Amino acid sequence: MGGIGKTTLAQLAYNDDRVKAYFHERMWVCVSDPFDPVTISRAILEASRKSLVVSMSWKIFAHKTTSGDEKLINLRHLEWEGSRVLMLPKGIGRLTSLRTLTEFRIIGVCKIGELKNLNSLRGGLVISRIDNVKDAEEAGEAELKNKKHLHHLELMGFGWLGSAASKGVAEALQPHQNLKSLKISYYSAATEFPSWIAASSLAQLKKLQIMHCVQVTYLPPLGELPLLESLIIEHMKRLKYVGGEFLGSSTTAFPKLKHLRFNEMEEWEKWEVKKKMKKGGQ
């Protein structure tokens, strides 16, 4: 039955950001009368042609990537978690069609600058061994702010970089404002969080995890994050006091929060929330 908006509805679902975030690949194939299974199958295969994955040993893959083999230029999905592989090969930054990269481990020949041109990455990304980043300038080469399709980000393993160095590196790893979920862990030496953990930079954030930030002594104004639904804070050993700075200056703090968890806060002594006086002194 034509003319009732079926195609328009399908296009809205197809182009919705929530759909894009949850599926590695999307294919648009038109089905019309007369119905022909062969034609439809051929269209599906053609649409998925660029996404076909051919299995190969990691040694061969690393060689092809390092040597700039053009046969890998259209590779879109690279998942290597749960393997014995310790590091990505040099030249991974040439694979500019990559949409899925489960983890980017900064070790050996794999430098954080390889992320610079991987702006098609979407879904989630873990960046680990950040302690191998020399300084803020090098961290900035990743240009995370340009990765607008990346909705879930984990920054882990700052190690024992000096306090100023850790803070500088973290500042330079500011993500795009479209980010929905953020986890920062083993931020071990810095005494304060990067300034971009704020409503002005993370207005779309729904989930935040802060873990093993053992030298930080106060929390940023997380109450100002307008869409935050889940907040988990663990192993902040030097945090002693939580006050109004945690709620921020907005009229309503944590307007969407559904889940809040504090765990292993060994020195936490006081949580003080000062209520504003109503008109008339009530």
C-alpha atoms as a PDB file:
ATOM      1  CA  MET A   1       0.000   0.000   0.000  1.00  0.00           C
ATOM      2  CA  GLY A   2       1.688   3.178  -1.195  1.00  0.00           C
ATOM      3  CA  GLY A   3       1.486   6.740   0.005  1.00  0.00           C
ATOM      4  CA  ILE A   4       1.187   6.149   3.754  1.00  0.00           C
ATOM      5  CA  GLY A   5       4.776   7.054   4.686  1.00  0.00           C
ATOM      6  CA  LYS A   6       6.402   3.629   5.109  1.00  0.00           C
ATOM      7  CA  THR A   7       9.634   4.688   3.370  1.00  0.00           C
ATOM      8  CA  THR A   8       9.852   7.925   5.354  1.00  0.00           C
ATOM      9  CA  LEU A   9       9.428   6.032   8.627  1.00  0.00           C
ATOM     10  CA  ALA A  10      12.061   3.480   7.592  1.00  0.00           C
ATOM     11  CA  GLN A  11      14.513   6.253   6.675  1.00  0.00           C
ATOM     12  CA  LEU A  12      14.018   7.936  10.046  1.00  0.00           C
ATOM     13  CA  ALA A  13      14.841   4.676  11.838  1.00  0.00           C
ATOM     14  CA  TYR A  14      17.775   3.972   9.514  1.00  0.00           C
ATOM     15  CA  ASN A  15      19.362   7.385  10.121  1.00  0.00           C
ATOM     16  CA  ASP A  16      18.642   7.597  13.849  1.00  0.00           C
ATOM     17  CA  ASP A  17      21.825   8.062  15.929  1.00  0.00           C
ATOM     18  CA  ARG A  18      20.698   5.358  18.370  1.00  0.00           C
ATOM     19  CA  VAL A  19      20.523   2.834  15.538  1.00  0.00           C
ATOM     20  CA  LYS A  20      23.933   3.914  14.222  1.00  0.00           C
ATOM     21  CA  ALA A  21      25.469   3.491  17.677  1.00  0.00           C
ATOM     22  CA  TYR A  22      24.276  -0.093  18.191  1.00  0.00           C
ATOM     23  CA  PHE A  23      24.918  -1.639  14.770  1.00  0.00           C
ATOM     24  CA  HIS A  24      28.285  -2.132  13.124  1.00  0.00           C
ATOM     25  CA  GLU A  25      26.738  -1.940   9.685  1.00  0.00           C
ATOM     26  CA  ARG A  26      23.509  -0.668   8.165  1.00  0.00           C
ATOM     27  CA  MET A  27      22.290  -1.491   4.679  1.00  0.00           C
ATOM     28  CA  TRP A  28      19.555   0.234   2.705  1.00  0.00           C
ATOM     29  CA  VAL A  29      17.874  -2.118   0.234  1.00  0.00           C
ATOM     30  CA  CYS A  30      14.639  -1.289  -1.562  1.00  0.00           C
ATOM     31  CA  VAL A  31      11.941  -3.940  -1.832  1.00  0.00           C
ATOM     32  CA  SER A  32       9.165  -3.385  -4.355  1.00  0.00           C
ATOM     33  CA  ASP A  33       6.655  -5.217  -6.508  1.00  0.00           C
ATOM     34  CA  PRO A  34       7.124  -7.616  -8.119  1.00  0.00           C
ATOM     35  CA  PHE A  35       8.976  -9.264  -5.213  1.00  0.00           C
ATOM     36  CA  ASP A  36      12.195 -10.913  -6.486  1.00  0.00           C
ATOM     37  CA  PRO A  37      14.321 -12.762  -3.860  1.00  0.00           C
ATOM     38  CA  VAL A  38      17.303 -13.045  -6.225  1.00  0.00           C
ATOM     39  CA  THR A  39      17.419  -9.306  -6.894  1.00  0.00           C
ATOM     40  CA  ILE A  40      17.074  -8.495  -3.200  1.00  0.00           C
ATOM     41  CA  SER A  41      19.806 -10.989  -2.226  1.00  0.00           C
ATOM     42  CA  ARG A  42      22.137  -9.494  -4.820  1.00  0.00           C
ATOM     43  CA  ALA A  43      21.431  -5.984  -3.499  1.00  0.00           C
ATOM     44  CA  ILE A  44      22.177  -7.070   0.084  1.00  0.00           C
ATOM     45  CA  LEU A  45      25.465  -8.697  -0.936  1.00  0.00           C
ATOM     46  CA  GLU A  46      26.494  -5.603  -2.864  1.00  0.00           C
ATOM     47  CA  ALA A  47      25.643  -3.338   0.083  1.00  0.00           C
ATOM     48  CA  SER A  48      27.705  -5.478   2.449  1.00  0.00           C
ATOM     49  CA  ARG A  49      30.655  -5.950   0.084  1.00  0.00           C
ATOM     50  CA  LYS A  50      32.887  -3.424   1.840  1.00  0.00           C
ATOM     51  CA  SER A  51      32.255  -4.988   5.229  1.00  0.00           C
ATOM     52  CA  LEU A  52      33.275  -8.564   4.495  1.00  0.00           C
ATOM     53  CA  VAL A  53      35.994  -9.725   6.903  1.00  0.00           C
ATOM     54  CA  VAL A  54      38.692 -12.139   5.797  1.00  0.00           C
ATOM     55  CA  SER A  55      40.468 -13.999   8.608  1.00  0.00           C
ATOM     56  CA  MET A  56      44.251 -13.807   8.653  1.00  0.00           C
ATOM     57  CA  SER A  57      46.989 -14.312  11.207  1.00  0.00           C
ATOM     58  CA  TRP A  58      47.944 -11.284  13.284  1.00  0.00           C
ATOM     59  CA  LYS A  59      51.488 -11.493  11.945  1.00  0.00           C
ATOM     60  CA  ILE A  60      50.271 -11.150   8.362  1.00  0.00           C
ATOM     61  CA  PHE A  61      47.844  -8.385   9.342  1.00  0.00           C
ATOM     62  CA  ALA A  62      50.608  -6.441  11.112  1.00  0.00           C
ATOM     63  CA  HIS A  63      52.898  -6.773   8.086  1.00  0.00           C
ATOM     64  CA  LYS A  64      50.224  -5.571   5.675  1.00  0.00           C
ATOM     65  CA  THR A  65      49.316  -2.629   7.922  1.00  0.00           C
ATOM     66  CA  THR A  66      52.919  -1.553   8.477  1.00  0.00           C
ATOM     67  CA  SER A  67      53.744  -1.799   4.784  1.00  0.00           C
ATOM     68  CA  GLY A  68      50.688   0.246   3.792  1.00  0.00           C
ATOM     69  CA  ASP A  69      48.962  -2.579   1.907  1.00  0.00           C
ATOM     70  CA  GLU A  70      46.055  -0.929   0.039  1.00  0.00           C
ATOM     71  CA  LYS A  71      43.982  -4.114   0.338  1.00  0.00           C
ATOM     72  CA  LEU A  72      43.251  -3.164   3.957  1.00  0.00           C
ATOM     73  CA  ILE A  73      42.309   0.426   3.264  1.00  0.00           C
ATOM     74  CA  ASN A  74      38.573  -0.366   3.431  1.00  0.00           C
ATOM     75  CA  LEU A  75      38.773  -2.411   6.640  1.00  0.00           C
ATOM     76  CA  ARG A  76      35.943  -1.252   8.871  1.00  0.00           C
ATOM     77  CA  HIS A  77      35.934  -3.501  11.935  1.00  0.00           C
ATOM     78  CA  LEU A  78      38.932  -4.601  13.998  1.00  0.00           C
ATOM     79  CA  GLU A  79      38.180  -6.496  17.202  1.00  0.00           C
ATOM     80  CA  TRP A  80      41.170  -7.957  19.011  1.00  0.00           C
ATOM     81  CA  GLU A  81      40.160  -8.126  22.656  1.00  0.00           C
ATOM     82  CA  GLY A  82      40.734 -11.351  24.545  1.00  0.00           C
ATOM     83  CA  SER A  83      43.816 -12.256  22.511  1.00  0.00           C
ATOM     84  CA  ARG A  84      47.497 -12.644  23.346  1.00  0.00           C
ATOM     85  CA  VAL A  85      48.384  -9.731  21.095  1.00  0.00           C
ATOM     86  CA  LEU A  86      50.068  -7.001  23.135  1.00  0.00           C
ATOM     87  CA  MET A  87      49.957  -4.073  20.727  1.00  0.00           C
ATOM     88  CA  LEU A  88      48.546  -2.792  17.476  1.00  0.00           C
ATOM     89  CA  PRO A  89      50.927  -2.574  14.521  1.00  0.00           C
ATOM     90  CA  LYS A  90      52.509   0.648  13.325  1.00  0.00           C
ATOM     91  CA  GLY A  91      50.442   2.225  10.571  1.00  0.00           C
ATOM     92  CA  ILE A  92      47.020   1.485  12.078  1.00  0.00           C
ATOM     93  CA  GLY A  93      46.246   5.161  11.497  1.00  0.00           C
ATOM     94  CA  ARG A  94      46.177   4.540   7.744  1.00  0.00           C
ATOM     95  CA  LEU A  95      42.999   2.474   8.091  1.00  0.00           C
ATOM     96  CA  THR A  96      40.796   5.539   7.873  1.00  0.00           C
ATOM     97  CA  SER A  97      37.641   3.530   7.124  1.00  0.00           C
ATOM     98  CA  LEU A  98      37.739   1.838  10.547  1.00  0.00           C
ATOM     99  CA  ARG A  99      34.457   2.084  12.388  1.00  0.00           C
ATOM    100  CA  THR A 100      35.090  -0.480  15.121  1.00  0.00           C
ATOM    101  CA  LEU A 101      38.284  -0.605  17.169  1.00  0.00           C
ATOM    102  CA  THR A 102      37.693  -2.234  20.527  1.00  0.00           C
ATOM    103  CA  GLU A 103      40.904  -1.098  22.199  1.00  0.00           C
ATOM    104  CA  PHE A 104      43.762   1.225  21.374  1.00  0.00           C
ATOM    105  CA  ARG A 105      46.721   0.229  23.533  1.00  0.00           C
ATOM    106  CA  ILE A 106      49.556   2.755  23.557  1.00  0.00           C
ATOM    107  CA  ILE A 107      52.621   0.585  23.673  1.00  0.00           C
ATOM    108  CA  GLY A 108      55.664  -0.049  21.518  1.00  0.00           C
ATOM    109  CA  VAL A 109      55.376   1.315  17.975  1.00  0.00           C
ATOM    110  CA  CYS A 110      51.715   2.183  18.437  1.00  0.00           C
ATOM    111  CA  LYS A 111      51.585   5.884  19.306  1.00  0.00           C
ATOM    112  CA  ILE A 112      48.461   7.811  20.229  1.00  0.00           C
ATOM    113  CA  GLY A 113      48.850  10.003  17.149  1.00  0.00           C
ATOM    114  CA  GLU A 114      47.709   7.036  15.050  1.00  0.00           C
ATOM    115  CA  LEU A 115      44.164   7.912  16.151  1.00  0.00           C
ATOM    116  CA  LYS A 116      44.274  11.296  14.431  1.00  0.00           C
ATOM    117  CA  ASN A 117      42.667  10.308  11.128  1.00  0.00           C
ATOM    118  CA  LEU A 118      40.379   7.563  12.454  1.00  0.00           C
ATOM    119  CA  ASN A 119      37.361   9.849  12.492  1.00  0.00           C
ATOM    120  CA  SER A 120      34.953   7.160  11.294  1.00  0.00           C
ATOM    121  CA  LEU A 121      35.246   5.307  14.612  1.00  0.00           C
ATOM    122  CA  ARG A 122      31.880   4.808  16.251  1.00  0.00           C
ATOM    123  CA  GLY A 123      30.369   2.951  19.146  1.00  0.00           C
ATOM    124  CA  GLY A 124      32.931   2.392  21.912  1.00  0.00           C
ATOM    125  CA  LEU A 125      36.692   2.720  22.309  1.00  0.00           C
ATOM    126  CA  VAL A 126      39.082   1.891  25.148  1.00  0.00           C
ATOM    127  CA  ILE A 127      42.359   3.830  25.194  1.00  0.00           C
ATOM    128  CA  SER A 128      44.794   2.132  27.562  1.00  0.00           C
ATOM    129  CA  ARG A 129      48.403   2.516  28.719  1.00  0.00           C
ATOM    130  CA  ILE A 130      48.089   6.283  28.608  1.00  0.00           C
ATOM    131  CA  ASP A 131      51.171   6.428  30.831  1.00  0.00           C
ATOM    132  CA  ASN A 132      53.185   5.921  27.634  1.00  0.00           C
ATOM    133  CA  VAL A 133      52.048   9.289  26.271  1.00  0.00           C
ATOM    134  CA  LYS A 134      54.882  11.777  26.743  1.00  0.00           C
ATOM    135  CA  ASP A 135      52.934  15.007  27.261  1.00  0.00           C
ATOM    136  CA  ALA A 136      49.802  16.992  26.444  1.00  0.00           C
ATOM    137  CA  GLU A 137      51.071  17.912  22.997  1.00  0.00           C
ATOM    138  CA  GLU A 138      51.423  14.278  22.019  1.00  0.00           C
ATOM    139  CA  ALA A 139      48.026  13.430  23.526  1.00  0.00           C
ATOM    140  CA  GLY A 140      46.432  16.195  21.469  1.00  0.00           C
ATOM    141  CA  GLU A 141      47.529  14.443  18.289  1.00  0.00           C
ATOM    142  CA  ALA A 142      44.714  11.941  18.831  1.00  0.00           C
ATOM    143  CA  GLU A 143      42.155  14.707  18.126  1.00  0.00           C
ATOM    144  CA  LEU A 144      39.375  12.942  20.020  1.00  0.00           C
ATOM    145  CA  LYS A 145      37.213  16.048  19.716  1.00  0.00           C
ATOM    146  CA  ASN A 146      36.806  15.274  16.009  1.00  0.00           C
ATOM    147  CA  LYS A 147      35.364  11.793  16.554  1.00  0.00           C
ATOM    148  CA  LYS A 148      31.701  12.719  16.600  1.00  0.00           C
ATOM    149  CA  HIS A 149      30.452   9.143  16.088  1.00  0.00           C
ATOM    150  CA  LEU A 150      32.255   7.850  19.190  1.00  0.00           C
ATOM    151  CA  HIS A 151      29.644   7.520  21.939  1.00  0.00           C
ATOM    152  CA  HIS A 152      31.433   5.407  24.566  1.00  0.00           C
ATOM    153  CA  LEU A 153      34.970   6.145  25.724  1.00  0.00           C
ATOM    154  CA  GLU A 154      37.217   4.645  28.381  1.00  0.00           C
ATOM    155  CA  LEU A 155      40.502   6.302  29.346  1.00  0.00           C
ATOM    156  CA  MET A 156      42.643   4.062  31.510  1.00  0.00           C
ATOM    157  CA  GLY A 157      46.156   3.505  32.763  1.00  0.00           C
ATOM    158  CA  PHE A 158      47.622   6.960  33.379  1.00  0.00           C
ATOM    159  CA  GLY A 159      50.066   5.224  35.706  1.00  0.00           C
ATOM    160  CA  TRP A 160      52.335   7.401  37.777  1.00  0.00           C
ATOM    161  CA  LEU A 161      52.946  10.193  35.336  1.00  0.00           C
ATOM    162  CA  GLY A 162      53.644  13.330  37.338  1.00  0.00           C
ATOM    163  CA  SER A 163      50.555  15.155  38.547  1.00  0.00           C
ATOM    164  CA  ALA A 164      50.885  18.024  36.077  1.00  0.00           C
ATOM    165  CA  ALA A 165      51.689  15.647  33.220  1.00  0.00           C
ATOM    166  CA  SER A 166      48.648  13.461  33.945  1.00  0.00           C
ATOM    167  CA  LYS A 167      46.353  16.477  34.129  1.00  0.00           C
ATOM    168  CA  GLY A 168      47.771  17.911  30.891  1.00  0.00           C
ATOM    169  CA  VAL A 169      47.424  14.634  29.011  1.00  0.00           C
ATOM    170  CA  ALA A 170      43.861  14.203  30.267  1.00  0.00           C
ATOM    171  CA  GLU A 171      42.950  17.759  29.209  1.00  0.00           C
ATOM    172  CA  ALA A 172      44.225  17.034  25.694  1.00  0.00           C
ATOM    173  CA  LEU A 173      42.076  13.902  25.435  1.00  0.00           C
ATOM    174  CA  GLN A 174      38.810  15.835  25.478  1.00  0.00           C
ATOM    175  CA  PRO A 175      36.174  13.885  23.523  1.00  0.00           C
ATOM    176  CA  HIS A 176      33.477  15.152  21.189  1.00  0.00           C
ATOM    177  CA  GLN A 177      30.406  16.636  22.860  1.00  0.00           C
ATOM    178  CA  ASN A 178      28.257  13.776  21.488  1.00  0.00           C
ATOM    179  CA  LEU A 179      29.769  11.359  24.023  1.00  0.00           C
ATOM    180  CA  LYS A 180      27.167   9.300  25.903  1.00  0.00           C
ATOM    181  CA  SER A 181      29.330   7.219  28.250  1.00  0.00           C
ATOM    182  CA  LEU A 182      32.716   7.913  29.857  1.00  0.00           C
ATOM    183  CA  LYS A 183      34.951   5.884  32.151  1.00  0.00           C
ATOM    184  CA  ILE A 184      38.189   7.203  33.646  1.00  0.00           C
ATOM    185  CA  SER A 185      40.272   4.714  35.610  1.00  0.00           C
ATOM    186  CA  TYR A 186      43.738   4.497  37.147  1.00  0.00           C
ATOM    187  CA  TYR A 187      44.199   8.253  36.932  1.00  0.00           C
ATOM    188  CA  SER A 188      46.737   7.772  39.653  1.00  0.00           C
ATOM    189  CA  ALA A 189      48.862  10.887  40.082  1.00  0.00           C
ATOM    190  CA  ALA A 190      46.790  13.951  39.198  1.00  0.00           C
ATOM    191  CA  THR A 191      45.057  15.812  42.013  1.00  0.00           C
ATOM    192  CA  GLU A 192      42.190  17.161  39.901  1.00  0.00           C
ATOM    193  CA  PHE A 193      40.086  16.065  36.960  1.00  0.00           C
ATOM    194  CA  PRO A 194      40.295  17.638  33.493  1.00  0.00           C
ATOM    195  CA  SER A 195      38.163  20.755  33.107  1.00  0.00           C
ATOM    196  CA  TRP A 196      36.100  19.256  30.286  1.00  0.00           C
ATOM    197  CA  ILE A 197      34.210  17.000  32.724  1.00  0.00           C
ATOM    198  CA  ALA A 198      31.478  19.614  32.790  1.00  0.00           C
ATOM    199  CA  ALA A 199      28.023  20.287  31.386  1.00  0.00           C
ATOM    200  CA  SER A 200      29.394  22.672  28.760  1.00  0.00           C
ATOM    201  CA  SER A 201      31.538  19.907  27.211  1.00  0.00           C
ATOM    202  CA  LEU A 202      29.546  16.745  27.956  1.00  0.00           C
ATOM    203  CA  ALA A 203      25.930  17.808  27.612  1.00  0.00           C
ATOM    204  CA  GLN A 204      24.917  14.428  26.128  1.00  0.00           C
ATOM    205  CA  LEU A 205      26.619  12.267  28.765  1.00  0.00           C
ATOM    206  CA  LYS A 206      24.361   9.624  30.334  1.00  0.00           C
ATOM    207  CA  LYS A 207      26.827   7.380  32.153  1.00  0.00           C
ATOM    208  CA  LEU A 208      30.000   8.283  34.051  1.00  0.00           C
ATOM    209  CA  GLN A 209      32.398   5.989  35.908  1.00  0.00           C
ATOM    210  CA  ILE A 210      35.343   7.329  37.922  1.00  0.00           C
ATOM    211  CA  MET A 211      37.594   4.627  39.347  1.00  0.00           C
ATOM    212  CA  HIS A 212      40.992   4.493  41.068  1.00  0.00           C
ATOM    213  CA  CYS A 213      41.648   8.232  40.914  1.00  0.00           C
ATOM    214  CA  VAL A 214      43.532   7.961  44.164  1.00  0.00           C
ATOM    215  CA  GLN A 215      45.099  11.442  44.448  1.00  0.00           C
ATOM    216  CA  VAL A 216      42.070  13.539  43.534  1.00  0.00           C
ATOM    217  CA  THR A 217      40.676  15.321  46.588  1.00  0.00           C
ATOM    218  CA  TYR A 218      37.417  16.821  45.288  1.00  0.00           C
ATOM    219  CA  LEU A 219      34.692  16.120  42.744  1.00  0.00           C
ATOM    220  CA  PRO A 220      33.786  18.348  39.792  1.00  0.00           C
ATOM    221  CA  PRO A 221      30.239  19.812  39.471  1.00  0.00           C
ATOM    222  CA  LEU A 222      28.713  16.615  38.156  1.00  0.00           C
ATOM    223  CA  GLY A 223      25.240  17.686  39.229  1.00  0.00           C
ATOM    224  CA  GLU A 224      25.196  20.078  36.274  1.00  0.00           C
ATOM    225  CA  LEU A 225      25.323  17.265  33.689  1.00  0.00           C
ATOM    226  CA  PRO A 226      21.774  17.533  32.314  1.00  0.00           C
ATOM    227  CA  LEU A 227      21.284  13.987  30.980  1.00  0.00           C
ATOM    228  CA  LEU A 228      23.398  11.968  33.431  1.00  0.00           C
ATOM    229  CA  GLU A 229      21.523   8.818  34.476  1.00  0.00           C
ATOM    230  CA  SER A 230      24.234   6.668  36.042  1.00  0.00           C
ATOM    231  CA  LEU A 231      27.175   7.782  38.196  1.00  0.00           C
ATOM    232  CA  ILE A 232      29.672   5.349  39.727  1.00  0.00           C
ATOM    233  CA  ILE A 233      32.602   6.593  41.818  1.00  0.00           C
ATOM    234  CA  GLU A 234      35.038   4.094  43.319  1.00  0.00           C
ATOM    235  CA  HIS A 235      38.461   3.996  44.983  1.00  0.00           C
ATOM    236  CA  MET A 236      39.013   7.720  45.487  1.00  0.00           C
ATOM    237  CA  LYS A 237      41.181   7.215  48.526  1.00  0.00           C
ATOM    238  CA  ARG A 238      41.998  10.856  49.329  1.00  0.00           C
ATOM    239  CA  LEU A 239      38.500  12.284  49.004  1.00  0.00           C
ATOM    240  CA  LYS A 240      37.356  13.417  52.461  1.00  0.00           C
ATOM    241  CA  TYR A 241      34.583  15.904  51.784  1.00  0.00           C
ATOM    242  CA  VAL A 242      31.720  16.220  49.301  1.00  0.00           C
ATOM    243  CA  GLY A 243      29.809  19.474  49.327  1.00  0.00           C
ATOM    244  CA  GLY A 244      28.012  21.953  47.143  1.00  0.00           C
ATOM    245  CA  GLU A 245      30.749  21.867  44.491  1.00  0.00           C
ATOM    246  CA  PHE A 246      29.547  18.348  43.606  1.00  0.00           C
ATOM    247  CA  LEU A 247      26.017  19.581  42.848  1.00  0.00           C
ATOM    248  CA  GLY A 248      27.131  22.623  40.886  1.00  0.00           C
ATOM    249  CA  SER A 249      25.302  25.895  40.405  1.00  0.00           C
ATOM    250  CA  SER A 250      22.321  24.727  38.355  1.00  0.00           C
ATOM    251  CA  THR A 251      18.819  25.177  39.761  1.00  0.00           C
ATOM    252  CA  THR A 252      18.189  21.421  39.790  1.00  0.00           C
ATOM    253  CA  ALA A 253      21.112  19.081  40.377  1.00  0.00           C
ATOM    254  CA  PHE A 254      21.192  15.693  38.646  1.00  0.00           C
ATOM    255  CA  PRO A 255      17.797  16.128  36.919  1.00  0.00           C
ATOM    256  CA  LYS A 256      17.949  12.707  35.214  1.00  0.00           C
ATOM    257  CA  LEU A 257      20.003  10.645  37.689  1.00  0.00           C
ATOM    258  CA  LYS A 258      18.669   7.129  38.344  1.00  0.00           C
ATOM    259  CA  HIS A 259      21.684   5.251  39.695  1.00  0.00           C
ATOM    260  CA  LEU A 260      24.345   6.554  42.095  1.00  0.00           C
ATOM    261  CA  ARG A 261      27.051   4.412  43.677  1.00  0.00           C
ATOM    262  CA  PHE A 262      30.035   5.212  45.872  1.00  0.00           C
ATOM    263  CA  ASN A 263      32.405   2.385  46.754  1.00  0.00           C
ATOM    264  CA  GLU A 264      35.753   2.027  48.569  1.00  0.00           C
ATOM    265  CA  MET A 265      36.029   5.704  49.581  1.00  0.00           C
ATOM    266  CA  GLU A 266      38.392   5.013  52.459  1.00  0.00           C
ATOM    267  CA  GLU A 267      38.887   8.548  53.827  1.00  0.00           C
ATOM    268  CA  TRP A 268      35.478  10.035  53.073  1.00  0.00           C
ATOM    269  CA  GLU A 269      34.240  11.715  56.239  1.00  0.00           C
ATOM    270  CA  LYS A 270      31.529  14.198  55.370  1.00  0.00           C
ATOM    271  CA  TRP A 271      28.800  14.788  52.787  1.00  0.00           C
ATOM    272  CA  GLU A 272      27.234  18.208  53.167  1.00  0.00           C
ATOM    273  CA  VAL A 273      24.481  19.617  50.992  1.00  0.00           C
ATOM    274  CA  LYS A 274      23.497  23.180  51.783  1.00  0.00           C
ATOM    275  CA  LYS A 275      19.903  23.906  50.841  1.00  0.00           C
ATOM    276  CA  LYS A 276      19.067  27.292  49.446  1.00  0.00           C
ATOM    277  CA  MET A 277      16.643  29.320  51.525  1.00  0.00           C
ATOM    278  CA  LYS A 278      13.230  29.893  50.005  1.00  0.00           C
ATOM    279  CA  LYS A 279      11.765  33.359  49.725  1.00  0.00           C
ATOM    280  CA  GLY A 280      10.390  34.596  53.025  1.00  0.00           C
ATOM    281  CA  GLY A 281      13.031  32.661  54.999  1.00  0.00           C
ATOM    282  CA  GLN A 282      11.085  29.370  54.978  1.00  0.00           C
END
